[in-house]
Amino acid sequence: MTPTFKIILKSSKTKARAGVIKTPHGDIETPAFIPVGTNGTVKSVSPRDLKEMGAQVVLANTYHLHLRPGEDLIKEFGGLSKFMSWGDPTMTDSGGFQVFSLGVGLEHGVGKLLREEEGEAKPRLNKITKEGVTFQSHIDGSKQYLSPEVSIEIQEKIGADLIVAFDDLESPKYNHEETKKSLELTEDWLIRSIKAHKRKDQLLYGVTHGGSFKDLRIKSAKFNDKHFNAIALGGAHKNKQDMAKIVEWTIANISENKPRHMLGIGEVDDIFELIERGIDTFDCVIPTRIGRTGFFFASPPFGNIKNRFRMDIAKSKFAKDKGPLADDCLCYTCQNFTRAYLYHLFRSRELLAYSLISTHNVHFLVNLTKQIREAIIKDKFQSLKKKWLKKSKFDSALLNVS
């Protein structure tokens, strides 16, 4: 079957909407948080746990799966969903972010968001030409090559339901001319991705870029809207206010009836603000990444904008705490284990600690988006947002969007 998207209901006062993406492996009710399973697994969280918590789709990484175990092996086993014993929808990125990470990301010491404390600048490990990207494998240092044609071929063999066209991710430090040059390369690669894509049972997402420059973002949005049936918003951002403006510029220039995915973003405040601006799905490694360092998500009043809705299980105040990680959470971890036990596990460096905390964190975001979807359907999105975000980091951005 050919994947489709349908809007079920729209918020009366915002651009938030509830919809359904129909795929060969099942339906995805939106808005939805997509857990990241880089190597075909959400780190320390089993497919069974993902199903039990209500996760609908998992995103895997084209670059990593290409290097190991290889797309041919995955195809031999019936595609990614079957290979990982998931059975439900999957999504793959293009490998473009890894091109960024091995190149300008290293060179400029930057990531997806430009932080106040930047990383150390290092020599890039790739070479970009108009044809594609040559880079060193992070596994064994071997020479590798990605191009639009190669990326699409890999994704077709992996067999994900939702796939992403190959793109060049610009640095948030680029000036207008540098960003324009990167965007022109991306547009060339996007057209080549379309020509290379043969499978009709996969939904191909175009990717918007243009840095923080309004004219380039609008140009990119219109270009993608012309050529693709699904839109992914890409690029690195200077800060959250910058990201808010970019989303609004983009949404204003793409068709309403197409699904919109935000690549690599997924903090609690991001989720509310992006959905309010019309984003349907988003992926992020945050739940499992912070889980492995002992941080767990907490809802109000304990979780808030100031502490980024996070608490540290390694704090001594939890050593004798008989409560769950979150009182209102129905995840396996919160229904069966105390903070005291999790404190003990983490301080003892027991592997179970990473699994239990990560399971809670993924469940937390998956079910937050489900709550938001229900609120949209009941036209109560703004009241739910107000309950969670008493003072938003995005407030000032709203005043500056034009």
Protein backbone atom coordinates (compact mmCIF):
# COMPACT_ATOMS: atom_id res chain seq x y z
CA MET A 1 0.00 0.00 0.00
CA THR A 2 1.01 3.62 -0.50
CA PRO A 3 1.30 5.50 2.84
CA THR A 4 -1.25 8.29 3.33
CA PHE A 5 -1.92 11.09 5.81
CA LYS A 6 -5.28 12.40 6.97
CA ILE A 7 -6.09 15.24 9.37
CA ILE A 8 -8.77 14.16 11.84
CA LEU A 9 -9.27 17.42 13.75
CA LYS A 10 -7.63 20.81 14.10
CA SER A 11 -7.33 23.06 17.15
CA SER A 12 -9.65 26.07 16.96
CA LYS A 13 -7.07 28.53 18.31
CA THR A 14 -3.67 27.14 17.22
CA LYS A 15 -2.12 25.25 14.30
CA ALA A 16 -2.11 22.01 16.33
CA ARG A 17 -3.85 19.11 14.62
CA ALA A 18 -4.63 15.44 15.21
CA GLY A 19 -4.11 13.09 12.28
CA VAL A 20 -3.29 9.57 11.09
CA ILE A 21 -0.44 8.35 8.91
CA LYS A 22 -1.41 5.00 7.37
CA THR A 23 1.54 2.72 6.53
CA PRO A 24 2.01 -0.91 5.45
CA HIS A 25 2.96 -1.83 9.04
CA GLY A 26 0.09 0.00 10.73
CA ASP A 27 -1.36 3.41 11.54
CA ILE A 28 0.48 6.22 13.32
CA GLU A 29 -1.83 8.54 15.25
CA THR A 30 -0.41 12.05 15.38
CA PRO A 31 0.91 14.08 17.09
CA ALA A 32 3.45 11.39 17.98
CA PHE A 33 6.87 11.18 19.58
CA ILE A 34 9.10 8.73 17.72
CA PRO A 35 11.72 6.98 19.90
CA VAL A 36 15.13 6.72 18.27
CA GLY A 37 16.56 3.25 17.75
CA THR A 38 19.83 4.16 16.06
CA ASN A 39 21.09 0.61 15.48
CA GLY A 40 17.66 -0.99 15.20
CA THR A 41 17.06 -0.84 18.95
CA VAL A 42 15.93 1.86 21.36
CA LYS A 43 18.85 1.66 23.79
CA SER A 44 18.03 -0.60 26.77
CA VAL A 45 14.28 -0.64 25.93
CA SER A 46 12.82 -3.81 24.39
CA PRO A 47 10.27 -3.87 21.56
CA ARG A 48 7.84 -5.50 24.02
CA ASP A 49 8.22 -2.55 26.40
CA LEU A 50 7.72 -0.12 23.52
CA LYS A 51 4.48 -1.84 22.54
CA GLU A 52 3.22 -1.89 26.13
CA MET A 53 3.81 1.84 26.56
CA GLY A 54 2.03 2.66 23.29
CA ALA A 55 4.95 3.66 21.05
CA GLN A 56 3.78 3.54 17.44
CA VAL A 57 6.92 3.91 15.35
CA VAL A 58 10.70 3.68 15.82
CA LEU A 59 13.34 5.68 13.94
CA ALA A 60 16.60 3.98 12.97
CA ASN A 61 19.75 5.43 11.43
CA THR A 62 20.66 4.75 7.80
CA TYR A 63 24.35 5.49 8.35
CA HIS A 64 24.74 3.14 11.32
CA LEU A 65 22.72 0.28 9.85
CA HIS A 66 24.65 0.55 6.59
CA LEU A 67 27.94 0.09 8.43
CA ARG A 68 26.62 -2.68 10.67
CA PRO A 69 24.95 -5.14 10.02
CA GLY A 70 24.40 -3.87 6.45
CA GLU A 71 21.20 -3.23 4.51
CA ASP A 72 21.48 -6.45 2.49
CA LEU A 73 21.29 -8.56 5.64
CA ILE A 74 18.31 -6.57 6.93
CA LYS A 75 16.53 -7.06 3.59
CA GLU A 76 17.26 -10.80 3.75
CA PHE A 77 15.47 -10.95 7.10
CA GLY A 78 12.36 -9.22 5.73
CA GLY A 79 13.13 -5.60 6.49
CA LEU A 80 13.87 -3.64 9.64
CA SER A 81 10.52 -4.05 11.41
CA LYS A 82 10.72 -7.84 11.16
CA PHE A 83 14.49 -7.99 11.78
CA MET A 84 14.12 -6.23 15.15
CA SER A 85 10.93 -8.16 16.05
CA TRP A 86 8.96 -4.95 16.21
CA GLY A 87 6.26 -5.55 13.61
CA ASP A 88 5.00 -1.96 13.60
CA PRO A 89 5.99 1.09 11.50
CA THR A 90 9.60 2.21 11.24
CA MET A 91 11.31 5.34 9.96
CA THR A 92 14.87 5.92 8.78
CA ASP A 93 16.78 9.17 8.44
CA SER A 94 18.98 9.86 5.44
CA GLY A 95 22.43 9.83 7.02
CA GLY A 96 22.66 13.58 6.49
CA PHE A 97 23.04 14.34 10.19
CA GLN A 98 26.01 11.96 10.43
CA VAL A 99 27.55 13.78 7.47
CA PHE A 100 27.14 16.96 9.52
CA SER A 101 28.52 15.38 12.70
CA LEU A 102 31.61 14.03 10.94
CA GLY A 103 32.17 17.26 9.02
CA VAL A 104 31.16 20.81 9.88
CA GLY A 105 29.85 19.68 13.26
CA LEU A 106 33.38 18.65 14.25
CA GLU A 107 34.99 21.58 12.49
CA HIS A 108 32.77 24.16 14.23
CA GLY A 109 32.32 22.27 17.50
CA VAL A 110 28.51 22.45 17.22
CA GLY A 111 25.48 20.16 17.38
CA LYS A 112 21.79 20.31 16.57
CA LEU A 113 21.37 23.36 18.81
CA LEU A 114 24.12 25.93 19.21
CA ARG A 115 24.85 25.88 22.94
CA GLU A 116 26.34 28.69 24.98
CA GLU A 117 29.33 26.48 25.74
CA GLU A 118 30.48 25.18 22.39
CA GLY A 119 32.46 22.02 21.89
CA GLU A 120 36.09 21.82 20.88
CA ALA A 121 36.76 22.36 17.16
CA LYS A 122 38.31 19.26 15.55
CA PRO A 123 39.38 18.26 12.04
CA ARG A 124 36.50 17.03 9.88
CA LEU A 125 36.34 13.36 8.95
CA ASN A 126 34.53 13.75 5.66
CA LYS A 127 34.77 15.39 2.26
CA ILE A 128 31.67 16.81 0.56
CA THR A 129 31.40 17.23 -3.20
CA LYS A 130 28.41 17.80 -5.46
CA GLU A 131 28.30 14.06 -6.13
CA GLY A 132 28.17 12.98 -2.48
CA VAL A 133 30.16 12.52 0.73
CA THR A 134 33.26 10.46 1.41
CA PHE A 135 33.93 9.78 5.08
CA GLN A 136 35.68 7.52 7.57
CA SER A 137 33.69 4.85 9.38
CA HIS A 138 33.52 5.53 13.13
CA ILE A 139 33.82 1.77 13.63
CA ASP A 140 37.02 0.85 11.82
CA GLY A 141 38.15 3.98 9.96
CA SER A 142 37.35 2.46 6.56
CA LYS A 143 36.48 4.71 3.63
CA GLN A 144 32.74 5.05 3.05
CA TYR A 145 30.55 6.94 0.59
CA LEU A 146 27.03 8.35 0.75
CA SER A 147 25.09 10.10 -2.01
CA PRO A 148 21.37 10.62 -2.64
CA GLU A 149 21.27 7.45 -4.72
CA VAL A 150 23.19 5.39 -2.15
CA SER A 151 21.12 6.71 0.78
CA ILE A 152 17.82 5.90 -0.94
CA GLU A 153 19.04 2.45 -2.01
CA ILE A 154 20.03 1.69 1.59
CA GLN A 155 16.68 2.89 2.93
CA GLU A 156 14.73 0.90 0.36
CA LYS A 157 16.58 -2.27 1.36
CA ILE A 158 16.08 -1.51 5.06
CA GLY A 159 12.38 -1.25 4.22
CA ALA A 160 11.21 1.50 6.57
CA ASP A 161 7.69 2.89 6.07
CA LEU A 162 8.86 6.49 6.34
CA ILE A 163 12.18 7.52 4.79
CA VAL A 164 14.05 10.80 4.35
CA ALA A 165 15.74 12.31 1.30
CA PHE A 166 19.49 12.93 1.47
CA ASP A 167 20.45 16.45 2.59
CA ASP A 168 23.35 18.69 3.57
CA LEU A 169 22.92 20.04 7.09
CA GLU A 170 24.22 23.59 7.45
CA SER A 171 26.16 24.92 10.42
CA PRO A 172 24.36 27.42 12.67
CA LYS A 173 27.55 29.49 12.32
CA TYR A 174 27.22 29.85 8.55
CA ASN A 175 26.60 33.31 7.08
CA HIS A 176 23.89 33.88 4.46
CA GLU A 177 26.10 33.05 1.48
CA GLU A 178 27.44 29.85 3.05
CA THR A 179 23.93 28.78 4.02
CA LYS A 180 22.63 29.51 0.52
CA LYS A 181 25.37 27.38 -1.00
CA SER A 182 24.51 24.51 1.36
CA LEU A 183 20.81 24.85 0.52
CA GLU A 184 21.53 24.69 -3.21
CA LEU A 185 23.44 21.45 -2.67
CA THR A 186 20.56 20.06 -0.60
CA GLU A 187 18.01 20.93 -3.30
CA ASP A 188 20.11 19.13 -5.90
CA TRP A 189 20.37 16.09 -3.63
CA LEU A 190 16.63 16.15 -2.90
CA ILE A 191 15.75 15.95 -6.60
CA ARG A 192 18.24 13.11 -7.07
CA SER A 193 16.66 11.33 -4.06
CA ILE A 194 13.23 11.54 -5.74
CA LYS A 195 14.61 10.10 -8.97
CA ALA A 196 16.31 7.26 -7.09
CA HIS A 197 13.24 6.32 -5.05
CA LYS A 198 11.32 3.40 -6.59
CA ARG A 199 9.31 1.82 -3.75
CA LYS A 200 5.71 3.05 -3.60
CA ASP A 201 5.11 1.55 -0.14
CA GLN A 202 7.47 4.07 1.46
CA LEU A 203 6.60 7.71 2.21
CA LEU A 204 9.56 9.90 1.17
CA TYR A 205 10.08 13.08 3.21
CA GLY A 206 11.77 16.12 1.72
CA VAL A 207 13.93 18.17 4.11
CA THR A 208 13.82 21.94 4.61
CA HIS A 209 16.94 23.95 5.37
CA GLY A 210 18.15 27.54 5.22
CA GLY A 211 19.63 28.21 8.64
CA SER A 212 18.16 31.18 10.51
CA PHE A 213 17.59 33.18 7.31
CA LYS A 214 13.91 33.82 6.58
CA ASP A 215 14.26 34.14 2.79
CA LEU A 216 16.15 30.85 2.53
CA ARG A 217 13.75 29.02 4.84
CA ILE A 218 10.76 30.18 2.80
CA LYS A 219 12.53 29.22 -0.43
CA SER A 220 13.28 25.77 0.95
CA ALA A 221 9.73 25.28 2.25
CA LYS A 222 8.21 26.11 -1.15
CA PHE A 223 10.73 23.88 -2.93
CA ASN A 224 9.90 20.89 -0.73
CA ASP A 225 6.18 21.52 -0.91
CA LYS A 226 6.40 21.44 -4.70
CA HIS A 227 8.29 18.16 -4.89
CA PHE A 228 7.33 16.05 -1.84
CA ASN A 229 4.19 14.63 -0.21
CA ALA A 230 5.74 14.76 3.27
CA ILE A 231 7.97 17.41 4.84
CA ALA A 232 10.75 17.09 7.43
CA LEU A 233 12.17 20.22 9.01
CA GLY A 234 15.94 19.99 9.25
CA GLY A 235 18.99 22.09 9.99
CA ALA A 236 20.81 23.18 13.12
CA HIS A 237 19.44 26.05 15.19
CA LYS A 238 21.04 28.89 17.15
CA ASN A 239 18.54 28.58 20.01
CA LYS A 240 14.94 27.66 20.76
CA GLN A 241 13.59 31.08 19.85
CA ASP A 242 15.30 30.79 16.48
CA MET A 243 13.78 27.35 16.02
CA ALA A 244 10.29 28.67 16.78
CA LYS A 245 10.53 31.32 14.08
CA ILE A 246 11.88 28.81 11.56
CA VAL A 247 8.97 26.44 12.20
CA GLU A 248 6.43 29.23 11.68
CA TRP A 249 8.08 30.46 8.47
CA THR A 250 8.11 26.89 7.15
CA ILE A 251 4.58 25.88 8.14
CA ALA A 252 3.21 29.04 6.50
CA ASN A 253 4.66 27.93 3.16
CA ILE A 254 3.79 24.24 2.93
CA SER A 255 0.48 22.53 2.21
CA GLU A 256 -1.73 21.73 5.17
CA ASN A 257 -2.54 18.20 4.01
CA LYS A 258 1.05 16.90 4.25
CA PRO A 259 2.60 15.30 7.35
CA ARG A 260 5.33 17.40 9.00
CA HIS A 261 8.21 15.88 10.92
CA MET A 262 10.74 17.75 13.09
CA LEU A 263 14.12 16.05 12.97
CA GLY A 264 16.08 15.53 16.19
CA ILE A 265 14.03 17.66 18.58
CA GLY A 266 12.05 16.45 21.59
CA GLU A 267 12.30 18.16 24.98
CA VAL A 268 9.04 18.63 26.88
CA ASP A 269 8.66 22.34 26.07
CA ASP A 270 9.69 21.66 22.46
CA ILE A 271 6.88 19.13 22.14
CA PHE A 272 4.17 21.60 23.16
CA GLU A 273 5.55 24.48 21.13
CA LEU A 274 6.16 22.47 17.96
CA ILE A 275 2.75 20.83 18.03
CA GLU A 276 1.14 24.22 18.59
CA ARG A 277 2.87 25.44 15.43
CA GLY A 278 1.66 22.50 13.32
CA ILE A 279 4.30 19.76 13.67
CA ASP A 280 2.90 16.21 13.59
CA THR A 281 5.85 13.99 14.54
CA PHE A 282 9.35 14.38 15.95
CA ASP A 283 12.20 12.15 17.04
CA CYS A 284 14.93 12.55 19.64
CA VAL A 285 17.52 10.49 21.54
CA ILE A 286 17.00 12.50 24.74
CA PRO A 287 14.88 9.96 26.72
CA THR A 288 17.45 7.17 26.61
CA ARG A 289 20.51 9.43 26.56
CA ILE A 290 19.60 11.16 29.82
CA GLY A 291 18.30 7.88 31.24
CA ARG A 292 21.76 6.39 31.01
CA THR A 293 23.09 9.29 33.09
CA GLY A 294 20.45 8.87 35.79
CA PHE A 295 18.07 11.66 34.85
CA PHE A 296 14.34 10.97 34.67
CA PHE A 297 11.43 13.04 33.40
CA ALA A 298 9.01 14.47 35.94
CA SER A 299 5.66 16.16 35.40
CA PRO A 300 4.52 19.37 37.16
CA PRO A 301 4.92 20.58 39.82
CA PHE A 302 8.25 18.77 40.30
CA GLY A 303 9.14 19.00 36.64
CA ASN A 304 9.15 22.48 35.14
CA ILE A 305 10.80 24.78 32.62
CA LYS A 306 13.57 25.68 35.06
CA ASN A 307 14.76 22.10 35.62
CA ARG A 308 13.84 21.05 32.05
CA PHE A 309 11.38 18.53 33.52
CA ARG A 310 14.31 16.42 34.71
CA MET A 311 15.44 15.07 38.08
CA ASP A 312 18.62 13.19 39.01
CA ILE A 313 18.09 9.78 40.64
CA ALA A 314 21.67 9.87 41.97
CA LYS A 315 20.77 12.60 44.48
CA SER A 316 20.96 11.37 48.08
CA LYS A 317 17.44 12.66 48.82
CA PHE A 318 16.12 9.64 46.90
CA ALA A 319 18.07 7.03 48.92
CA LYS A 320 15.05 6.21 51.13
CA ASP A 321 12.24 7.52 48.91
CA LYS A 322 9.36 5.02 48.70
CA GLY A 323 7.62 6.79 45.84
CA PRO A 324 7.81 6.05 42.08
CA LEU A 325 9.76 8.22 39.66
CA ALA A 326 6.50 10.03 38.84
CA ASP A 327 3.28 9.71 40.84
CA ASP A 328 1.01 9.99 37.81
CA CYS A 329 3.01 7.69 35.51
CA LEU A 330 1.66 4.29 34.44
CA CYS A 331 4.92 2.94 32.98
CA TYR A 332 6.32 -0.43 34.09
CA THR A 333 9.06 1.26 36.11
CA CYS A 334 6.76 3.54 38.08
CA GLN A 335 4.21 0.80 38.72
CA ASN A 336 6.79 -1.60 40.18
CA PHE A 337 9.86 0.19 41.58
CA THR A 338 10.66 2.88 44.13
CA ARG A 339 13.02 5.80 43.79
CA ALA A 340 15.08 4.26 46.59
CA TYR A 341 15.60 1.04 44.63
CA LEU A 342 16.46 2.93 41.44
CA TYR A 343 18.87 5.13 43.43
CA HIS A 344 20.53 1.95 44.71
CA LEU A 345 20.75 0.41 41.23
CA PHE A 346 22.19 3.52 39.65
CA ARG A 347 24.74 4.15 42.40
CA SER A 348 25.76 0.49 42.10
CA ARG A 349 26.07 0.88 38.31
CA GLU A 350 23.68 -1.99 37.74
CA LEU A 351 22.58 -2.29 34.10
CA LEU A 352 18.94 -2.61 35.14
CA ALA A 353 19.00 1.03 36.27
CA TYR A 354 19.63 2.26 32.72
CA SER A 355 16.83 0.08 31.33
CA LEU A 356 14.23 1.05 33.94
CA ILE A 357 14.93 4.79 33.82
CA SER A 358 15.08 4.83 30.02
CA THR A 359 11.80 2.91 29.83
CA HIS A 360 10.18 5.54 32.05
CA ASN A 361 11.58 8.40 29.98
CA VAL A 362 10.44 7.03 26.63
CA HIS A 363 7.00 6.22 28.07
CA PHE A 364 6.82 9.75 29.49
CA LEU A 365 7.22 11.45 26.09
CA VAL A 366 5.18 8.90 24.13
CA ASN A 367 2.25 9.34 26.47
CA LEU A 368 2.65 13.10 26.76
CA THR A 369 1.99 13.33 23.02
CA LYS A 370 -1.01 11.05 23.46
CA GLN A 371 -2.38 13.41 26.11
CA ILE A 372 -1.81 16.31 23.75
CA ARG A 373 -3.63 14.49 20.94
CA GLU A 374 -6.62 13.92 23.20
CA ALA A 375 -6.54 17.57 24.25
CA ILE A 376 -6.56 18.68 20.60
CA ILE A 377 -9.55 16.45 19.87
CA LYS A 378 -11.39 17.91 22.90
CA ASP A 379 -10.19 21.43 21.94
CA LYS A 380 -8.35 21.77 25.25
CA PHE A 381 -4.79 22.00 23.95
CA GLN A 382 -4.07 25.44 25.38
CA SER A 383 -5.27 24.56 28.87
CA LEU A 384 -3.05 21.46 28.88
CA LYS A 385 -0.08 23.51 27.68
CA LYS A 386 -0.71 26.11 30.40
CA LYS A 387 -0.70 23.36 33.03
CA TRP A 388 2.73 22.20 31.88
CA LEU A 389 4.44 25.40 30.76
CA LYS A 390 3.73 28.27 33.11
CA LYS A 391 6.36 30.42 31.42
CA SER A 392 7.60 29.36 28.02
CA LYS A 393 11.03 29.99 26.54
CA PHE A 394 9.24 30.58 23.26
CA ASP A 395 7.09 33.50 24.47
CA SER A 396 9.49 36.18 23.24
CA ALA A 397 9.82 34.45 19.89
CA LEU A 398 6.10 34.89 19.24
CA LEU A 399 6.53 38.64 19.42
CA ASN A 400 9.30 38.60 16.84
CA VAL A 401 7.80 36.39 14.14
CA SER A 402 6.78 38.35 11.05
